[in-house]
C-alpha atoms as a PDB file:
ATOM      1  CA  MET A   1      10.161 -20.763   2.792  1.00  0.00           C
ATOM      2  CA  ASP A   2      13.418 -18.794   2.468  1.00  0.00           C
ATOM      3  CA  LYS A   3      12.814 -16.107   5.115  1.00  0.00           C
ATOM      4  CA  GLU A   4      15.873 -14.069   4.189  1.00  0.00           C
ATOM      5  CA  LYS A   5      14.823 -13.992   0.538  1.00  0.00           C
ATOM      6  CA  LEU A   6      11.277 -13.007   1.490  1.00  0.00           C
ATOM      7  CA  GLU A   7      12.499 -10.174   3.719  1.00  0.00           C
ATOM      8  CA  ASN A   8      14.628  -8.936   0.833  1.00  0.00           C
ATOM      9  CA  LEU A   9      11.552  -8.922  -1.435  1.00  0.00           C
ATOM     10  CA  ILE A  10       9.511  -7.109   1.237  1.00  0.00           C
ATOM     11  CA  ASN A  11      12.290  -4.554   1.554  1.00  0.00           C
ATOM     12  CA  LYS A  12      12.274  -3.951  -2.192  1.00  0.00           C
ATOM     13  CA  PHE A  13       8.477  -3.778  -2.177  1.00  0.00           C
ATOM     14  CA  PHE A  14       8.443  -0.861   0.281  1.00  0.00           C
ATOM     15  CA  LEU A  15      11.256   0.849  -1.675  1.00  0.00           C
ATOM     16  CA  LYS A  16       9.308   0.409  -4.950  1.00  0.00           C
ATOM     17  CA  GLN A  17      12.328  -1.457  -6.381  1.00  0.00           C
ATOM     18  CA  LEU A  18      10.751  -4.806  -7.352  1.00  0.00           C
ATOM     19  CA  THR A  19      11.410  -5.885 -10.928  1.00  0.00           C
ATOM     20  CA  LEU A  20       8.543  -7.368 -12.935  1.00  0.00           C
ATOM     21  CA  ASP A  21       9.825 -10.926 -12.298  1.00  0.00           C
ATOM     22  CA  GLU A  22      10.263 -10.197  -8.591  1.00  0.00           C
ATOM     23  CA  LYS A  23       6.706  -8.805  -8.393  1.00  0.00           C
ATOM     24  CA  VAL A  24       5.345 -12.061  -9.832  1.00  0.00           C
ATOM     25  CA  GLU A  25       7.508 -14.148  -7.473  1.00  0.00           C
ATOM     26  CA  PHE A  26       6.538 -12.001  -4.470  1.00  0.00           C
ATOM     27  CA  GLU A  27       2.814 -12.294  -5.175  1.00  0.00           C
ATOM     28  CA  ASP A  28       3.120 -16.072  -5.692  1.00  0.00           C
ATOM     29  CA  ILE A  29       4.858 -16.454  -2.322  1.00  0.00           C
ATOM     30  CA  LEU A  30       2.181 -14.428  -0.546  1.00  0.00           C
ATOM     31  CA  LYS A  31      -0.597 -16.425  -2.185  1.00  0.00           C
ATOM     32  CA  SER A  32       0.902 -19.806  -1.242  1.00  0.00           C
ATOM     33  CA  SER A  33       2.267 -19.236   2.285  1.00  0.00           C
ATOM     34  CA  ASP A  34       0.419 -18.231   5.460  1.00  0.00           C
ATOM     35  CA  GLU A  35       3.755 -17.622   7.166  1.00  0.00           C
ATOM     36  CA  ALA A  36       4.818 -15.270   4.361  1.00  0.00           C
ATOM     37  CA  ARG A  37       1.572 -13.298   4.622  1.00  0.00           C
ATOM     38  CA  LYS A  38       2.004 -13.034   8.400  1.00  0.00           C
ATOM     39  CA  LEU A  39       5.531 -11.661   8.018  1.00  0.00           C
ATOM     40  CA  PHE A  40       4.370  -9.212   5.357  1.00  0.00           C
ATOM     41  CA  ARG A  41       1.570  -7.983   7.635  1.00  0.00           C
ATOM     42  CA  GLN A  42       4.078  -7.409  10.453  1.00  0.00           C
ATOM     43  CA  TRP A  43       6.308  -5.237   8.277  1.00  0.00           C
ATOM     44  CA  SER A  44       3.258  -3.517   6.768  1.00  0.00           C
ATOM     45  CA  PHE A  45       2.168  -2.674  10.298  1.00  0.00           C
ATOM     46  CA  ILE A  46       5.559  -1.175  11.085  1.00  0.00           C
ATOM     47  CA  GLN A  47       5.617   0.711   7.785  1.00  0.00           C
ATOM     48  CA  ARG A  48       2.154   2.114   8.439  1.00  0.00           C
ATOM     49  CA  GLY A  49       3.183   3.172  11.904  1.00  0.00           C
ATOM     50  CA  VAL A  50       6.268   4.946  10.635  1.00  0.00           C
ATOM     51  CA  GLU A  51       4.187   6.797   8.063  1.00  0.00           C
ATOM     52  CA  THR A  52       1.638   7.696  10.739  1.00  0.00           C
ATOM     53  CA  ILE A  53       4.336   9.096  13.004  1.00  0.00           C
ATOM     54  CA  GLN A  54       5.845  11.071  10.158  1.00  0.00           C
ATOM     55  CA  PHE A  55       2.388  12.365   9.301  1.00  0.00           C
ATOM     56  CA  ASN A  56       1.732  13.471  12.875  1.00  0.00           C
ATOM     57  CA  LYS A  57       5.116  15.193  13.025  1.00  0.00           C
ATOM     58  CA  THR A  58       4.250  17.385  10.046  1.00  0.00           C
ATOM     59  CA  CYS A  59       0.716  18.135  11.383  1.00  0.00           C
ATOM     60  CA  THR A  60      -0.428  18.653   7.786  1.00  0.00           C
ATOM     61  CA  PRO A  61      -1.926  16.276   5.227  1.00  0.00           C
ATOM     62  CA  PRO A  62       0.641  14.822   2.815  1.00  0.00           C
ATOM     63  CA  GLU A  63       0.895  16.838  -0.385  1.00  0.00           C
ATOM     64  CA  LEU A  64       0.209  15.259  -3.755  1.00  0.00           C
ATOM     65  CA  ASP A  65       3.216  15.346  -6.040  1.00  0.00           C
ATOM     66  CA  ILE A  66       2.281  15.719  -9.697  1.00  0.00           C
ATOM     67  CA  ASN A  67       5.850  14.872 -10.676  1.00  0.00           C
ATOM     68  CA  ILE A  68       7.514  11.481 -10.473  1.00  0.00           C
ATOM     69  CA  ARG A  69       8.796  10.925  -6.950  1.00  0.00           C
ATOM     70  CA  ASP A  70      12.093   9.073  -6.795  1.00  0.00           C
ATOM     71  CA  GLN A  71      12.013   7.151  -3.517  1.00  0.00           C
ATOM     72  CA  LYS A  72      14.868   4.742  -4.211  1.00  0.00           C
ATOM     73  CA  GLU A  73      17.375   4.432  -1.389  1.00  0.00           C
ATOM     74  CA  LYS A  74      20.825   2.902  -1.628  1.00  0.00           C
ATOM     75  CA  SER A  75      21.105   1.466   1.862  1.00  0.00           C
ATOM     76  CA  ASN A  76      21.064  -2.314   2.306  1.00  0.00           C
ATOM     77  CA  ARG A  77      18.232  -4.240   3.985  1.00  0.00           C
ATOM     78  CA  VAL A  78      19.629  -4.158   7.530  1.00  0.00           C
ATOM     79  CA  ASN A  79      20.566  -0.493   7.438  1.00  0.00           C
ATOM     80  CA  LEU A  80      17.168   0.387   5.965  1.00  0.00           C
ATOM     81  CA  TRP A  81      15.212  -0.974   8.929  1.00  0.00           C
ATOM     82  CA  LYS A  82      17.721   0.413  11.430  1.00  0.00           C
ATOM     83  CA  GLN A  83      17.334   3.839   9.877  1.00  0.00           C
ATOM     84  CA  ARG A  84      13.539   3.642   9.999  1.00  0.00           C
ATOM     85  CA  ILE A  85      13.668   2.675  13.683  1.00  0.00           C
ATOM     86  CA  ILE A  86      16.166   5.448  14.474  1.00  0.00           C
ATOM     87  CA  ASN A  87      13.926   7.995  12.765  1.00  0.00           C
ATOM     88  CA  VAL A  88      11.049   6.951  15.010  1.00  0.00           C
ATOM     89  CA  ALA A  89      12.533   6.448  18.446  1.00  0.00           C
ATOM     90  CA  ALA A  90      16.312   6.340  18.637  1.00  0.00           C
ATOM     91  CA  VAL A  91      17.209   2.672  19.277  1.00  0.00           C
ATOM     92  CA  LEU A  92      14.236   0.396  20.018  1.00  0.00           C
ATOM     93  CA  THR A  93      13.849  -3.346  19.623  1.00  0.00           C
ATOM     94  CA  ILE A  94      11.133  -4.544  17.285  1.00  0.00           C
ATOM     95  CA  PRO A  95       8.792  -5.649  20.140  1.00  0.00           C
ATOM     96  CA  LEU A  96       9.174  -2.252  21.828  1.00  0.00           C
ATOM     97  CA  LEU A  97       8.672  -0.512  18.511  1.00  0.00           C
ATOM     98  CA  ILE A  98       5.463  -2.447  17.839  1.00  0.00           C
ATOM     99  CA  GLY A  99       4.133  -1.519  21.281  1.00  0.00           C
ATOM    100  CA  PHE A 100       5.135   2.089  20.677  1.00  0.00           C
ATOM    101  CA  LEU A 101       3.392   2.113  17.314  1.00  0.00           C
ATOM    102  CA  TYR A 102       0.108   0.934  18.805  1.00  0.00           C
ATOM    103  CA  LEU A 103      -0.097   4.262  20.644  1.00  0.00           C
ATOM    104  CA  PHE A 104       0.197   6.137  17.379  1.00  0.00           C
ATOM    105  CA  LEU A 105      -2.024   3.833  15.360  1.00  0.00           C
ATOM    106  CA  GLU A 106      -4.879   4.538  17.744  1.00  0.00           C
ATOM    107  CA  LYS A 107      -4.821   7.948  16.109  1.00  0.00           C
ATOM    108  CA  SER A 108      -4.696   6.541  12.573  1.00  0.00           C
ATOM    109  CA  SER A 109      -8.467   6.617  12.235  1.00  0.00           C
ATOM    110  CA  SER A 110      -8.170  10.399  12.268  1.00  0.00           C
ATOM    111  CA  LEU A 111      -6.424  10.137   8.896  1.00  0.00           C
ATOM    112  CA  GLU A 112      -9.742   9.252   7.314  1.00  0.00           C
ATOM    113  CA  GLN A 113     -11.297  12.369   8.801  1.00  0.00           C
ATOM    114  CA  MET A 114      -8.358  14.480   7.632  1.00  0.00           C
ATOM    115  CA  SER A 115      -8.413  12.926   4.172  1.00  0.00           C
ATOM    116  CA  HIS A 116     -10.079  15.050   1.535  1.00  0.00           C
ATOM    117  CA  ASP A 117     -11.154  14.427  -2.031  1.00  0.00           C
ATOM    118  CA  LEU A 118      -8.955  15.601  -4.881  1.00  0.00           C
ATOM    119  CA  SER A 119     -10.021  16.140  -8.473  1.00  0.00           C
ATOM    120  CA  TYR A 120      -7.908  16.785 -11.563  1.00  0.00           C
ATOM    121  CA  THR A 121      -9.221  17.626 -15.024  1.00  0.00           C
ATOM    122  CA  ASN A 122      -6.935  17.734 -18.047  1.00  0.00           C
ATOM    123  CA  THR A 123      -7.899  20.595 -20.329  1.00  0.00           C
ATOM    124  CA  ASN A 124      -4.678  20.306 -22.347  1.00  0.00           C
ATOM    125  CA  SER A 125      -3.955  18.321 -25.492  1.00  0.00           C
ATOM    126  CA  LYS A 126      -0.990  16.557 -23.863  1.00  0.00           C
ATOM    127  CA  ALA A 127      -1.256  13.959 -21.112  1.00  0.00           C
ATOM    128  CA  ILE A 128      -0.531  15.110 -17.560  1.00  0.00           C
ATOM    129  CA  LEU A 129       1.201  12.856 -15.034  1.00  0.00           C
ATOM    130  CA  ILE A 130      -0.365  12.493 -11.585  1.00  0.00           C
ATOM    131  CA  THR A 131       1.272  10.657  -8.682  1.00  0.00           C
ATOM    132  CA  LEU A 132      -1.263   9.105  -6.315  1.00  0.00           C
ATOM    133  CA  PRO A 133      -0.881   8.808  -2.506  1.00  0.00           C
ATOM    134  CA  ASP A 134       0.506   5.253  -2.854  1.00  0.00           C
ATOM    135  CA  SER A 135       3.044   6.393  -5.519  1.00  0.00           C
ATOM    136  CA  SER A 136       1.050   4.814  -8.354  1.00  0.00           C
ATOM    137  CA  ARG A 137       1.249   6.935 -11.507  1.00  0.00           C
ATOM    138  CA  VAL A 138      -1.547   8.065 -13.809  1.00  0.00           C
ATOM    139  CA  TYR A 139      -1.296   9.593 -17.285  1.00  0.00           C
ATOM    140  CA  LEU A 140      -4.512  11.606 -17.615  1.00  0.00           C
ATOM    141  CA  TYR A 141      -5.527  12.462 -21.174  1.00  0.00           C
ATOM    142  CA  ALA A 142      -7.489  15.260 -22.843  1.00  0.00           C
ATOM    143  CA  LYS A 143     -10.952  16.144 -21.485  1.00  0.00           C
ATOM    144  CA  SER A 144     -10.561  13.604 -18.663  1.00  0.00           C
ATOM    145  CA  THR A 145     -11.195  13.895 -14.921  1.00  0.00           C
ATOM    146  CA  LEU A 146      -9.687  11.804 -12.119  1.00  0.00           C
ATOM    147  CA  LYS A 147     -11.026  11.875  -8.539  1.00  0.00           C
ATOM    148  CA  PHE A 148      -9.347  10.227  -5.534  1.00  0.00           C
ATOM    149  CA  PRO A 149      -8.809  10.751  -1.775  1.00  0.00           C
ATOM    150  CA  SER A 150      -5.686  12.462  -0.489  1.00  0.00           C
ATOM    151  CA  VAL A 151      -5.079   9.365   1.695  1.00  0.00           C
ATOM    152  CA  PHE A 152      -6.041   5.815   0.739  1.00  0.00           C
ATOM    153  CA  THR A 153      -7.804   4.019   3.598  1.00  0.00           C
ATOM    154  CA  LYS A 154      -9.929   0.957   4.446  1.00  0.00           C
ATOM    155  CA  ASN A 155      -7.601  -1.594   2.836  1.00  0.00           C
ATOM    156  CA  GLU A 156      -8.314  -0.502  -0.712  1.00  0.00           C
ATOM    157  CA  ARG A 157      -7.256   2.154  -3.179  1.00  0.00           C
ATOM    158  CA  HIS A 158     -10.193   3.637  -5.072  1.00  0.00           C
ATOM    159  CA  VAL A 159     -10.222   6.267  -7.836  1.00  0.00           C
ATOM    160  CA  LYS A 160     -12.943   7.491 -10.196  1.00  0.00           C
ATOM    161  CA  LEU A 161     -12.280   8.234 -13.861  1.00  0.00           C
ATOM    162  CA  THR A 162     -14.308  10.005 -16.496  1.00  0.00           C
ATOM    163  CA  GLY A 163     -12.395   9.994 -19.768  1.00  0.00           C
ATOM    164  CA  GLU A 164      -9.151   8.182 -20.507  1.00  0.00           C
ATOM    165  CA  ALA A 165      -6.021   7.434 -18.484  1.00  0.00           C
ATOM    166  CA  THR A 166      -3.131   4.994 -18.262  1.00  0.00           C
ATOM    167  CA  PHE A 167      -2.408   3.582 -14.799  1.00  0.00           C
ATOM    168  CA  GLU A 168       0.898   2.232 -13.467  1.00  0.00           C
ATOM    169  CA  VAL A 169      -0.230   0.700 -10.182  1.00  0.00           C
ATOM    170  CA  VAL A 170       2.226   0.016  -7.357  1.00  0.00           C
ATOM    171  CA  SER A 171       1.991  -3.627  -6.295  1.00  0.00           C
ATOM    172  CA  ASP A 172       0.178  -4.190  -2.983  1.00  0.00           C
ATOM    173  CA  PRO A 173      -1.411  -7.672  -2.727  1.00  0.00           C
ATOM    174  CA  GLU A 174      -3.363  -6.823   0.419  1.00  0.00           C
ATOM    175  CA  ASN A 175      -4.835  -3.551  -0.849  1.00  0.00           C
ATOM    176  CA  PRO A 176      -6.514  -3.852  -4.259  1.00  0.00           C
ATOM    177  CA  PHE A 177      -6.660  -0.885  -6.614  1.00  0.00           C
ATOM    178  CA  TYR A 178     -10.012   0.042  -8.185  1.00  0.00           C
ATOM    179  CA  VAL A 179     -10.723   2.338 -11.106  1.00  0.00           C
ATOM    180  CA  GLU A 180     -14.430   3.139 -11.250  1.00  0.00           C
ATOM    181  CA  THR A 181     -15.774   4.349 -14.588  1.00  0.00           C
ATOM    182  CA  LEU A 182     -19.214   5.057 -16.014  1.00  0.00           C
ATOM    183  CA  ASP A 183     -22.353   3.341 -14.725  1.00  0.00           C
ATOM    184  CA  GLY A 184     -20.468   1.674 -11.873  1.00  0.00           C
ATOM    185  CA  ALA A 185     -18.086  -0.317 -14.092  1.00  0.00           C
ATOM    186  CA  LYS A 186     -14.840  -1.146 -12.260  1.00  0.00           C
ATOM    187  CA  VAL A 187     -11.350  -2.339 -13.048  1.00  0.00           C
ATOM    188  CA  LYS A 188      -9.674  -4.178 -10.162  1.00  0.00           C
ATOM    189  CA  ALA A 189      -5.892  -4.546 -10.027  1.00  0.00           C
ATOM    190  CA  TYR A 190      -3.120  -5.184  -7.505  1.00  0.00           C
ATOM    191  CA  GLY A 191      -0.008  -4.046  -9.344  1.00  0.00           C
ATOM    192  CA  THR A 192       0.133  -3.661 -13.115  1.00  0.00           C
ATOM    193  CA  LYS A 193      -0.141  -1.249 -16.066  1.00  0.00           C
ATOM    194  CA  PHE A 194      -3.356  -0.696 -17.992  1.00  0.00           C
ATOM    195  CA  ASN A 195      -5.364   1.904 -19.913  1.00  0.00           C
ATOM    196  CA  VAL A 196      -9.011   2.764 -19.221  1.00  0.00           C
ATOM    197  CA  TYR A 197     -11.287   4.623 -21.669  1.00  0.00           C
ATOM    198  CA  GLY A 198     -14.750   5.773 -20.606  1.00  0.00           C
ATOM    199  CA  TYR A 199     -16.227   9.099 -21.769  1.00  0.00           C
ATOM    200  CA  GLU A 200     -19.779  10.172 -21.019  1.00  0.00           C
ATOM    201  CA  ASP A 201     -20.502  10.861 -24.702  1.00  0.00           C
ATOM    202  CA  ASP A 202     -19.358   7.399 -25.835  1.00  0.00           C
ATOM    203  CA  ASP A 203     -21.216   4.102 -25.471  1.00  0.00           C
ATOM    204  CA  ILE A 204     -17.964   2.126 -25.336  1.00  0.00           C
ATOM    205  CA  VAL A 205     -15.857   1.489 -22.224  1.00  0.00           C
ATOM    206  CA  GLN A 206     -12.439   0.051 -23.060  1.00  0.00           C
ATOM    207  CA  VAL A 207      -9.669  -1.475 -20.962  1.00  0.00           C
ATOM    208  CA  TYR A 208      -6.266  -2.327 -22.410  1.00  0.00           C
ATOM    209  CA  LEU A 209      -3.995  -4.442 -20.203  1.00  0.00           C
ATOM    210  CA  GLU A 210      -0.284  -4.148 -20.926  1.00  0.00           C
ATOM    211  CA  ARG A 211       1.000  -6.483 -18.212  1.00  0.00           C
ATOM    212  CA  GLY A 212      -0.220  -8.428 -15.191  1.00  0.00           C
ATOM    213  CA  LYS A 213      -3.885  -9.283 -14.574  1.00  0.00           C
ATOM    214  CA  VAL A 214      -7.009  -7.236 -13.905  1.00  0.00           C
ATOM    215  CA  ASN A 215     -10.724  -7.925 -13.471  1.00  0.00           C
ATOM    216  CA  PHE A 216     -13.479  -5.920 -15.151  1.00  0.00           C
ATOM    217  CA  SER A 217     -16.925  -5.825 -13.588  1.00  0.00           C
ATOM    218  CA  SER A 218     -20.189  -3.978 -14.155  1.00  0.00           C
ATOM    219  CA  PRO A 219     -23.590  -3.964 -12.409  1.00  0.00           C
ATOM    220  CA  TYR A 220     -24.982  -5.057 -15.784  1.00  0.00           C
ATOM    221  CA  LEU A 221     -22.814  -8.193 -15.983  1.00  0.00           C
ATOM    222  CA  SER A 222     -23.447 -11.379 -14.017  1.00  0.00           C
ATOM    223  CA  GLU A 223     -19.756 -11.947 -13.259  1.00  0.00           C
ATOM    224  CA  ALA A 224     -16.383 -10.260 -13.520  1.00  0.00           C
ATOM    225  CA  THR A 225     -14.218 -10.761 -16.588  1.00  0.00           C
ATOM    226  CA  ALA A 226     -10.557 -11.639 -15.982  1.00  0.00           C
ATOM    227  CA  MET A 227      -8.097 -10.071 -18.408  1.00  0.00           C
ATOM    228  CA  ARG A 228      -4.602 -11.155 -19.319  1.00  0.00           C
ATOM    229  CA  ALA A 229      -1.686  -9.144 -20.679  1.00  0.00           C
ATOM    230  CA  SER A 230      -1.818  -7.769 -24.237  1.00  0.00           C
ATOM    231  CA  THR A 231      -5.602  -7.868 -24.499  1.00  0.00           C
ATOM    232  CA  LYS A 232      -8.270  -5.173 -24.926  1.00  0.00           C
ATOM    233  CA  LEU A 233     -11.755  -5.385 -23.440  1.00  0.00           C
ATOM    234  CA  GLU A 234     -14.693  -3.505 -24.968  1.00  0.00           C
ATOM    235  CA  PHE A 235     -17.950  -3.092 -23.060  1.00  0.00           C
ATOM    236  CA  ASN A 236     -20.953  -1.598 -24.859  1.00  0.00           C
ATOM    237  CA  ARG A 237     -23.040   0.422 -22.410  1.00  0.00           C
ATOM    238  CA  LYS A 238     -26.127   0.255 -24.651  1.00  0.00           C
ATOM    239  CA  SER A 239     -26.210  -3.416 -25.588  1.00  0.00           C
ATOM    240  CA  LYS A 240     -24.475  -4.528 -22.335  1.00  0.00           C
ATOM    241  CA  SER A 241     -22.266  -6.766 -24.495  1.00  0.00           C
ATOM    242  CA  ILE A 242     -18.591  -7.448 -23.828  1.00  0.00           C
ATOM    243  CA  GLN A 243     -15.677  -8.791 -25.857  1.00  0.00           C
ATOM    244  CA  VAL A 244     -11.969  -9.313 -25.212  1.00  0.00           C
ATOM    245  CA  LEU A 245      -9.542  -9.164 -28.136  1.00  0.00           C
ATOM    246  CA  PRO A 246      -5.764  -9.466 -28.573  1.00  0.00           C
ATOM    247  CA  SER A 247      -4.065  -6.076 -28.725  1.00  0.00           C
ATOM    248  CA  ASP A 248      -0.729  -4.333 -28.193  1.00  0.00           C
ATOM    249  CA  ALA A 249       0.655  -1.253 -26.469  1.00  0.00           C
ATOM    250  CA  PHE A 250       1.718   0.798 -29.513  1.00  0.00           C
ATOM    251  CA  GLU A 251      -1.313   3.103 -29.613  1.00  0.00           C
ATOM    252  CA  TYR A 252      -1.289   3.731 -25.849  1.00  0.00           C
ATOM    253  CA  GLU A 253       2.456   4.256 -25.570  1.00  0.00           C
ATOM    254  CA  ALA A 254       2.260   6.732 -28.451  1.00  0.00           C
ATOM    255  CA  TYR A 255      -0.556   8.635 -26.748  1.00  0.00           C
ATOM    256  CA  GLU A 256       1.521   8.923 -23.563  1.00  0.00           C
ATOM    257  CA  LYS A 257       4.150  10.729 -25.668  1.00  0.00           C
ATOM    258  CA  GLY A 258       1.627  13.028 -27.334  1.00  0.00           C
ATOM    259  CA  ILE A 259       1.520  11.056 -30.603  1.00  0.00           C
ATOM    260  CA  LEU A 260      -1.796  10.129 -32.229  1.00  0.00           C
ATOM    261  CA  LEU A 261      -1.568   6.665 -33.777  1.00  0.00           C
ATOM    262  CA  PHE A 262      -4.486   5.095 -35.674  1.00  0.00           C
ATOM    263  CA  ARG A 263      -4.507   1.634 -37.238  1.00  0.00           C
ATOM    264  CA  SER A 264      -7.591   0.815 -39.303  1.00  0.00           C
ATOM    265  CA  THR A 265      -9.527   3.060 -36.930  1.00  0.00           C
ATOM    266  CA  SER A 266     -12.984   4.228 -37.962  1.00  0.00           C
ATOM    267  CA  LEU A 267     -13.335   7.872 -38.933  1.00  0.00           C
ATOM    268  CA  GLU A 268     -15.975   8.242 -36.227  1.00  0.00           C
ATOM    269  CA  ARG A 269     -13.571   7.207 -33.444  1.00  0.00           C
ATOM    270  CA  ILE A 270     -10.799   9.343 -34.912  1.00  0.00           C
ATOM    271  CA  THR A 271     -12.985  12.460 -34.927  1.00  0.00           C
ATOM    272  CA  LYS A 272     -13.995  11.859 -31.310  1.00  0.00           C
ATOM    273  CA  LYS A 273     -10.355  11.790 -30.244  1.00  0.00           C
ATOM    274  CA  LEU A 274      -9.480  14.828 -32.365  1.00  0.00           C
ATOM    275  CA  SER A 275     -12.411  16.741 -30.848  1.00  0.00           C
ATOM    276  CA  ARG A 276     -11.071  16.155 -27.331  1.00  0.00           C
ATOM    277  CA  VAL A 277      -7.394  16.701 -28.073  1.00  0.00           C
ATOM    278  CA  TYR A 278      -7.897  19.906 -30.090  1.00  0.00           C
ATOM    279  CA  ASP A 279     -11.052  21.115 -28.317  1.00  0.00           C
ATOM    280  CA  VAL A 280     -13.036  21.481 -31.531  1.00  0.00           C
ATOM    281  CA  ASP A 281     -16.526  20.448 -32.608  1.00  0.00           C
ATOM    282  CA  ILE A 282     -16.404  17.963 -35.511  1.00  0.00           C
ATOM    283  CA  GLU A 283     -19.503  16.695 -37.302  1.00  0.00           C
ATOM    284  CA  ILE A 284     -19.728  13.852 -39.833  1.00  0.00           C
ATOM    285  CA  ARG A 285     -22.593  14.605 -42.165  1.00  0.00           C
ATOM    286  CA  ASP A 286     -22.567  11.356 -44.129  1.00  0.00           C
ATOM    287  CA  ASN A 287     -23.136   8.126 -42.208  1.00  0.00           C
ATOM    288  CA  GLN A 288     -21.275   6.124 -44.856  1.00  0.00           C
ATOM    289  CA  LEU A 289     -18.091   7.884 -43.791  1.00  0.00           C
ATOM    290  CA  ARG A 290     -18.379   6.970 -40.103  1.00  0.00           C
ATOM    291  CA  HIS A 291     -16.958   3.466 -40.461  1.00  0.00           C
ATOM    292  CA  TYR A 292     -14.304   4.371 -43.017  1.00  0.00           C
ATOM    293  CA  PRO A 293     -11.014   2.832 -41.718  1.00  0.00           C
ATOM    294  CA  ILE A 294      -7.952   5.058 -41.546  1.00  0.00           C
ATOM    295  CA  THR A 295      -4.327   4.352 -40.618  1.00  0.00           C
ATOM    296  CA  GLY A 296      -1.946   7.163 -39.739  1.00  0.00           C
ATOM    297  CA  VAL A 297       0.517   8.672 -37.263  1.00  0.00           C
ATOM    298  CA  PHE A 298       0.349  12.338 -36.285  1.00  0.00           C
ATOM    299  CA  GLU A 299       2.904  14.162 -34.171  1.00  0.00           C
ATOM    300  CA  ASN A 300       3.093  17.908 -33.602  1.00  0.00           C
ATOM    301  CA  LYS A 301       0.422  18.558 -36.253  1.00  0.00           C
ATOM    302  CA  SER A 302      -2.348  21.133 -36.173  1.00  0.00           C
ATOM    303  CA  ILE A 303      -5.964  20.072 -36.579  1.00  0.00           C
ATOM    304  CA  THR A 304      -6.078  21.510 -40.103  1.00  0.00           C
ATOM    305  CA  GLN A 305      -2.929  19.601 -41.087  1.00  0.00           C
ATOM    306  CA  ILE A 306      -4.466  16.352 -39.829  1.00  0.00           C
ATOM    307  CA  LEU A 307      -7.749  17.009 -41.626  1.00  0.00           C
ATOM    308  CA  ASP A 308      -5.855  17.694 -44.851  1.00  0.00           C
ATOM    309  CA  VAL A 309      -4.108  14.313 -44.523  1.00  0.00           C
ATOM    310  CA  LEU A 310      -7.420  12.563 -43.822  1.00  0.00           C
ATOM    311  CA  GLN A 311      -8.919  14.245 -46.872  1.00  0.00           C
ATOM    312  CA  MET A 312      -6.049  13.084 -49.064  1.00  0.00           C
ATOM    313  CA  SER A 313      -6.368   9.531 -47.719  1.00  0.00           C
ATOM    314  CA  SER A 314      -9.832   9.141 -49.252  1.00  0.00           C
ATOM    315  CA  PRO A 315     -11.090  10.533 -52.556  1.00  0.00           C
ATOM    316  CA  ASP A 316     -14.616  10.671 -51.072  1.00  0.00           C
ATOM    317  CA  LEU A 317     -13.792  12.664 -47.944  1.00  0.00           C
ATOM    318  CA  LYS A 318     -13.882  16.449 -47.786  1.00  0.00           C
ATOM    319  CA  TRP A 319     -13.836  18.898 -44.898  1.00  0.00           C
ATOM    320  CA  LYS A 320     -14.822  22.500 -44.360  1.00  0.00           C
ATOM    321  CA  LYS A 321     -15.332  24.925 -41.514  1.00  0.00           C
ATOM    322  CA  GLU A 322     -18.711  26.433 -40.703  1.00  0.00           C
ATOM    323  CA  LYS A 323     -18.320  29.121 -38.061  1.00  0.00           C
ATOM    324  CA  GLU A 324     -16.767  27.250 -35.083  1.00  0.00           C
ATOM    325  CA  LYS A 325     -17.619  23.754 -36.333  1.00  0.00           C
ATOM    326  CA  ILE A 326     -15.666  21.419 -38.618  1.00  0.00           C
ATOM    327  CA  ILE A 327     -17.802  19.485 -41.102  1.00  0.00           C
ATOM    328  CA  LEU A 328     -16.775  16.191 -42.729  1.00  0.00           C
ATOM    329  CA  TYR A 329     -18.787  15.254 -45.806  1.00  0.00           C
ATOM    330  CA  ARG A 330     -18.682  13.165 -48.948  1.00  0.00           C
ATOM    331  CA  LYS A 331     -17.328  14.662 -52.107  1.00  0.00           C
ATOM    332  CA  PRO A 332     -20.193  15.361 -54.534  1.00  0.00           C
END
């Protein structure tokens, strides 16, 4: 094992500067070497102690930053650790620092007591960006709610989602990241990017994995399903059936930017998304229209403009407004 190379990767890990290739290499090293895991735990211990001391100095819980937090530093590896040690206790050797940190870490259990639950609901049509306590990022979409603790504890990061969101999870091999959705379904990740869809008024739970690996599990399934990059998992809550299909990121990347992209999407699924994004009640009055496939891209369009395009796309489709409800029906 190249200790100097490993320390450099650990340094970049704590600075959130690992490239995708370095993340894969770093995780492989940790999986294959007990010595590497031991060294990582030592630096994790020091990092945790530094954060604990900084926390105690402020005497207030850390605030959640809804904006992207740029934590990149330009110091080299040696100067980084020297600076961290200086910030804590002037000039201490690592053994003295570890002993010093034990005194503070005895108080770390109080973090759990000070931690409080946070909840964010997106009532807007555009996605909102939330930065989690571990610096992971979440794009929360229309009519969606995300719940999570102000401080992640107990060697895992756990959030609850109702609705749809895209997660960019900071890599941490020793602390898995869980997204819990409807009926106890969970997505488990360590460091990757994926989209989760799970609304209460929909029987389908979907997971799209852009990169890395995740596991999907449910109390109704006998075992977890491992997903690979560029695949989409669909779990039917009624039939308890599951399927994994090849997919791509175009639709999800467009949604992050406020663009609605549909490719051979059923009219029923399109109307569900339009209802949430534009906060309108849409009813399909002819069941034959529900599975009608539609392809289109909509950006900066009103709901009436989109409905007009949908109407033009099919000679059988018409729409009208009845009081506060939009009705889709077949042309007589």
